[in-house]
Amino acid sequence: MPHITVDYTARLAGAFDRQAFVRELHPMVRDEAGSAGVCKTFFRPAADTYVGESDAARVAFVHVEVGLLPGRSEELKARLSRDVLALLDKHLPGDDAHGVVSSVEVRDLAASYRLQHSPQ
């Protein structure tokens, strides 16, 4: 815990510095959520993304989902969502030719959540 998934338009792969993003994201999430756990992040490029009626070649999309153990307030989750959006803005390209639409959801992990760490 926390579990983080980042889905993004595949054509951002060369412009989205995922390693720099995650270096700042992990301590931010741990600190704001009050978690002693280790962040685990999956990046998933999506071949096809569409935003409204926009030309898919002109508008990219990034969605970050942060899963936390239950017990955090809605205010904390909203603040963390805003902060992750600001961090994304720092690490994503933005120009007149290619817009990026970003979203964040901070949610509770299900009661069935379990974690196992196997030795290497």
C-alpha atoms as a PDB file:
ATOM      1  CA  MET A   1       0.000   0.000   0.000  1.00  0.00           C
ATOM      2  CA  PRO A   2      -0.383   2.529  -1.610  1.00  0.00           C
ATOM      3  CA  HIS A   3      -1.136   1.121  -5.050  1.00  0.00           C
ATOM      4  CA  ILE A   4      -0.916   3.577  -7.929  1.00  0.00           C
ATOM      5  CA  THR A   5      -1.908   3.027 -11.555  1.00  0.00           C
ATOM      6  CA  VAL A   6      -1.149   5.530 -14.296  1.00  0.00           C
ATOM      7  CA  ASP A   7      -2.955   5.038 -17.593  1.00  0.00           C
ATOM      8  CA  TYR A   8      -1.798   7.349 -20.377  1.00  0.00           C
ATOM      9  CA  THR A   9      -1.988   7.912 -24.113  1.00  0.00           C
ATOM     10  CA  ALA A  10       0.856   5.859 -25.580  1.00  0.00           C
ATOM     11  CA  ARG A  11       2.146   8.694 -27.755  1.00  0.00           C
ATOM     12  CA  LEU A  12       3.144  10.522 -24.555  1.00  0.00           C
ATOM     13  CA  ALA A  13       5.745   7.827 -23.839  1.00  0.00           C
ATOM     14  CA  GLY A  14       8.648   9.914 -25.139  1.00  0.00           C
ATOM     15  CA  ALA A  15       7.457  13.148 -23.535  1.00  0.00           C
ATOM     16  CA  PHE A  16       6.210  11.900 -20.136  1.00  0.00           C
ATOM     17  CA  ASP A  17       9.200  11.402 -17.838  1.00  0.00           C
ATOM     18  CA  ARG A  18       7.627   8.645 -15.781  1.00  0.00           C
ATOM     19  CA  GLN A  19      10.722   8.000 -13.683  1.00  0.00           C
ATOM     20  CA  ALA A  20      10.989  11.649 -12.594  1.00  0.00           C
ATOM     21  CA  PHE A  21       7.239  11.736 -11.940  1.00  0.00           C
ATOM     22  CA  VAL A  22       7.291   8.635  -9.723  1.00  0.00           C
ATOM     23  CA  ARG A  23      10.345   9.891  -7.783  1.00  0.00           C
ATOM     24  CA  GLU A  24       8.238  12.839  -6.641  1.00  0.00           C
ATOM     25  CA  LEU A  25       4.913  10.982  -6.518  1.00  0.00           C
ATOM     26  CA  HIS A  26       5.858   8.239  -4.059  1.00  0.00           C
ATOM     27  CA  PRO A  27       7.042  10.466  -1.184  1.00  0.00           C
ATOM     28  CA  MET A  28       4.117  12.848  -1.771  1.00  0.00           C
ATOM     29  CA  VAL A  29       1.553  10.045  -1.518  1.00  0.00           C
ATOM     30  CA  ARG A  30       3.211   8.444   1.517  1.00  0.00           C
ATOM     31  CA  ASP A  31       3.531  11.754   3.358  1.00  0.00           C
ATOM     32  CA  GLU A  32       0.059  13.080   2.615  1.00  0.00           C
ATOM     33  CA  ALA A  33      -1.670   9.752   3.237  1.00  0.00           C
ATOM     34  CA  GLY A  34       0.313   9.074   6.401  1.00  0.00           C
ATOM     35  CA  SER A  35       1.337   5.695   5.028  1.00  0.00           C
ATOM     36  CA  ALA A  36       4.274   3.682   6.273  1.00  0.00           C
ATOM     37  CA  GLY A  37       3.881   1.301   3.344  1.00  0.00           C
ATOM     38  CA  VAL A  38       5.819   1.060   0.111  1.00  0.00           C
ATOM     39  CA  CYS A  39       4.257   2.661  -2.963  1.00  0.00           C
ATOM     40  CA  LYS A  40       3.846   0.415  -5.959  1.00  0.00           C
ATOM     41  CA  THR A  41       3.136   2.036  -9.333  1.00  0.00           C
ATOM     42  CA  PHE A  42       2.054   0.553 -12.660  1.00  0.00           C
ATOM     43  CA  PHE A  43       2.324   2.633 -15.842  1.00  0.00           C
ATOM     44  CA  ARG A  44       0.038   1.451 -18.623  1.00  0.00           C
ATOM     45  CA  PRO A  45       0.262   3.061 -22.055  1.00  0.00           C
ATOM     46  CA  ALA A  46      -3.019   2.924 -23.961  1.00  0.00           C
ATOM     47  CA  ALA A  47      -2.880   2.609 -27.728  1.00  0.00           C
ATOM     48  CA  ASP A  48      -6.267   4.280 -28.192  1.00  0.00           C
ATOM     49  CA  THR A  49      -7.573   7.147 -26.096  1.00  0.00           C
ATOM     50  CA  TYR A  50     -10.319   9.611 -26.917  1.00  0.00           C
ATOM     51  CA  VAL A  51     -11.363  12.811 -25.178  1.00  0.00           C
ATOM     52  CA  GLY A  52     -14.873  13.937 -26.054  1.00  0.00           C
ATOM     53  CA  GLU A  53     -15.203  14.750 -29.739  1.00  0.00           C
ATOM     54  CA  SER A  54     -11.570  15.880 -30.066  1.00  0.00           C
ATOM     55  CA  ASP A  55      -9.159  14.556 -32.643  1.00  0.00           C
ATOM     56  CA  ALA A  56      -7.369  11.677 -30.905  1.00  0.00           C
ATOM     57  CA  ALA A  57      -4.056  12.789 -32.415  1.00  0.00           C
ATOM     58  CA  ARG A  58      -4.329  16.227 -30.795  1.00  0.00           C
ATOM     59  CA  VAL A  59      -5.498  15.498 -27.256  1.00  0.00           C
ATOM     60  CA  ALA A  60      -3.708  13.076 -24.947  1.00  0.00           C
ATOM     61  CA  PHE A  61      -5.148  11.652 -21.732  1.00  0.00           C
ATOM     62  CA  VAL A  62      -3.594  10.649 -18.402  1.00  0.00           C
ATOM     63  CA  HIS A  63      -5.490   9.118 -15.480  1.00  0.00           C
ATOM     64  CA  VAL A  64      -3.883   8.351 -12.103  1.00  0.00           C
ATOM     65  CA  GLU A  65      -5.602   6.086  -9.588  1.00  0.00           C
ATOM     66  CA  VAL A  66      -4.263   5.971  -6.034  1.00  0.00           C
ATOM     67  CA  GLY A  67      -5.528   3.101  -3.861  1.00  0.00           C
ATOM     68  CA  LEU A  68      -5.160   3.533  -0.096  1.00  0.00           C
ATOM     69  CA  LEU A  69      -6.239   1.479   2.887  1.00  0.00           C
ATOM     70  CA  PRO A  70      -9.576   2.792   4.193  1.00  0.00           C
ATOM     71  CA  GLY A  71      -9.714   5.443   6.880  1.00  0.00           C
ATOM     72  CA  ARG A  72      -8.576   8.612   5.117  1.00  0.00           C
ATOM     73  CA  SER A  73     -10.947  11.569   5.055  1.00  0.00           C
ATOM     74  CA  GLU A  74     -12.550  12.781   1.846  1.00  0.00           C
ATOM     75  CA  GLU A  75     -10.750  16.101   2.376  1.00  0.00           C
ATOM     76  CA  LEU A  76      -7.381  14.342   2.458  1.00  0.00           C
ATOM     77  CA  LYS A  77      -8.229  12.385  -0.696  1.00  0.00           C
ATOM     78  CA  ALA A  78      -9.335  15.569  -2.487  1.00  0.00           C
ATOM     79  CA  ARG A  79      -6.146  17.398  -1.453  1.00  0.00           C
ATOM     80  CA  LEU A  80      -4.004  14.471  -2.610  1.00  0.00           C
ATOM     81  CA  SER A  81      -5.882  14.423  -5.945  1.00  0.00           C
ATOM     82  CA  ARG A  82      -5.178  18.136  -6.466  1.00  0.00           C
ATOM     83  CA  ASP A  83      -1.511  17.696  -5.584  1.00  0.00           C
ATOM     84  CA  VAL A  84      -1.087  14.742  -7.953  1.00  0.00           C
ATOM     85  CA  LEU A  85      -2.715  16.795 -10.741  1.00  0.00           C
ATOM     86  CA  ALA A  86      -0.243  19.616 -10.086  1.00  0.00           C
ATOM     87  CA  LEU A  87       2.642  17.144 -10.186  1.00  0.00           C
ATOM     88  CA  LEU A  88       1.365  15.687 -13.458  1.00  0.00           C
ATOM     89  CA  ASP A  89       1.211  19.181 -14.920  1.00  0.00           C
ATOM     90  CA  LYS A  90       4.881  19.603 -14.059  1.00  0.00           C
ATOM     91  CA  HIS A  91       5.882  16.382 -15.849  1.00  0.00           C
ATOM     92  CA  LEU A  92       3.609  16.418 -18.915  1.00  0.00           C
ATOM     93  CA  PRO A  93       4.107  18.365 -22.128  1.00  0.00           C
ATOM     94  CA  GLY A  94       1.611  21.073 -22.811  1.00  0.00           C
ATOM     95  CA  ASP A  95       1.556  23.115 -25.976  1.00  0.00           C
ATOM     96  CA  ASP A  96      -0.938  24.514 -28.438  1.00  0.00           C
ATOM     97  CA  ALA A  97      -0.495  21.578 -30.813  1.00  0.00           C
ATOM     98  CA  HIS A  98      -1.061  18.772 -28.306  1.00  0.00           C
ATOM     99  CA  GLY A  99      -3.248  19.221 -25.265  1.00  0.00           C
ATOM    100  CA  VAL A 100      -3.272  16.833 -22.334  1.00  0.00           C
ATOM    101  CA  VAL A 101      -6.349  16.101 -20.236  1.00  0.00           C
ATOM    102  CA  SER A 102      -5.444  14.728 -16.792  1.00  0.00           C
ATOM    103  CA  SER A 103      -7.510  13.212 -14.010  1.00  0.00           C
ATOM    104  CA  VAL A 104      -6.855  11.646 -10.607  1.00  0.00           C
ATOM    105  CA  GLU A 105      -8.930   9.400  -8.377  1.00  0.00           C
ATOM    106  CA  VAL A 106      -7.907   8.590  -4.814  1.00  0.00           C
ATOM    107  CA  ARG A 107      -9.943   5.658  -3.556  1.00  0.00           C
ATOM    108  CA  ASP A 108     -10.084   3.115  -0.758  1.00  0.00           C
ATOM    109  CA  LEU A 109      -8.744  -0.350  -1.421  1.00  0.00           C
ATOM    110  CA  ALA A 110     -11.358  -3.085  -1.032  1.00  0.00           C
ATOM    111  CA  ALA A 111     -11.725  -4.927   2.271  1.00  0.00           C
ATOM    112  CA  SER A 112     -10.451  -8.038   0.503  1.00  0.00           C
ATOM    113  CA  TYR A 113      -7.057  -6.403  -0.158  1.00  0.00           C
ATOM    114  CA  ARG A 114      -4.077  -8.524   0.830  1.00  0.00           C
ATOM    115  CA  LEU A 115      -0.363  -8.071   0.194  1.00  0.00           C
ATOM    116  CA  GLN A 116       2.317 -10.731  -0.072  1.00  0.00           C
ATOM    117  CA  HIS A 117       5.984 -10.071  -0.546  1.00  0.00           C
ATOM    118  CA  SER A 118       7.934 -13.072  -1.812  1.00  0.00           C
ATOM    119  CA  PRO A 119      11.668 -13.249  -1.157  1.00  0.00           C
ATOM    120  CA  GLN A 120      13.898 -12.596  -4.154  1.00  0.00           C
END
